[in-house]
Amino acid sequence: MNKNTILGYATLLMVSMGLLLIALGAFKYDDVAGWGFGAVGVGFLANAWVFNALKGRV
């Protein structure tokens, strides 16, 4: 397993966690906490985007 494979798995894990957090914020928590869950989910997706951009350059 090389560095690109590990970055690919990390990207997949971060995308799934980001979508899960956004779904929690949208469907389970309807009050102010939902906005926090959604914001953290978007942050996870942004980090996954960076990991995907680093794949092949590291």
Protein backbone atom coordinates (compact mmCIF):
# COMPACT_ATOMS: atom_id res chain seq x y z
CA MET A 1 0.00 0.00 0.00
CA ASN A 2 1.61 3.25 -1.12
CA LYS A 3 0.94 6.88 -0.20
CA ASN A 4 -1.59 7.45 -2.99
CA THR A 5 -3.69 4.50 -1.84
CA ILE A 6 -3.70 5.80 1.72
CA LEU A 7 -4.72 9.28 0.50
CA GLY A 8 -7.50 7.69 -1.54
CA TYR A 9 -8.84 5.82 1.49
CA ALA A 10 -8.58 8.99 3.60
CA THR A 11 -10.49 10.92 0.94
CA LEU A 12 -13.23 8.28 0.84
CA LEU A 13 -13.49 8.26 4.63
CA MET A 14 -13.64 12.06 4.84
CA VAL A 15 -16.30 12.31 2.11
CA SER A 16 -18.49 9.72 3.83
CA MET A 17 -18.06 11.40 7.22
CA GLY A 18 -18.83 14.81 5.72
CA LEU A 19 -22.01 13.57 4.06
CA LEU A 20 -23.04 11.82 7.28
CA LEU A 21 -22.57 15.03 9.29
CA ILE A 22 -24.52 17.08 6.75
CA ALA A 23 -27.32 14.51 6.82
CA LEU A 24 -27.37 14.61 10.63
CA GLY A 25 -27.61 18.37 10.57
CA ALA A 26 -30.36 18.35 7.98
CA PHE A 27 -32.57 15.53 9.22
CA LYS A 28 -31.94 14.89 12.92
CA TYR A 29 -31.11 18.26 14.45
CA ASP A 30 -33.52 20.93 13.25
CA ASP A 31 -32.39 23.65 15.67
CA VAL A 32 -29.17 25.64 15.85
CA ALA A 33 -27.05 22.51 16.35
CA GLY A 34 -27.98 21.40 12.83
CA TRP A 35 -26.19 24.41 11.38
CA GLY A 36 -23.04 23.40 13.27
CA PHE A 37 -23.22 19.83 12.02
CA GLY A 38 -23.71 21.09 8.47
CA ALA A 39 -20.76 23.49 8.72
CA VAL A 40 -18.46 20.78 10.06
CA GLY A 41 -19.65 18.44 7.28
CA VAL A 42 -18.77 21.04 4.65
CA GLY A 43 -15.35 21.38 6.29
CA PHE A 44 -14.84 17.62 6.01
CA LEU A 45 -15.74 17.78 2.31
CA ALA A 46 -13.25 20.63 1.80
CA ASN A 47 -10.49 18.60 3.47
CA ALA A 48 -11.37 15.60 1.33
CA TRP A 49 -11.07 17.79 -1.76
CA VAL A 50 -7.56 18.82 -0.67
CA PHE A 51 -6.59 15.18 -0.03
CA ASN A 52 -7.85 14.25 -3.49
CA ALA A 53 -5.84 17.10 -5.04
CA LEU A 54 -2.70 15.87 -3.25
CA LYS A 55 -3.08 12.37 -4.65
CA GLY A 56 -0.31 11.84 -7.18
CA ARG A 57 1.79 14.77 -5.97
CA VAL A 58 3.05 13.29 -2.72
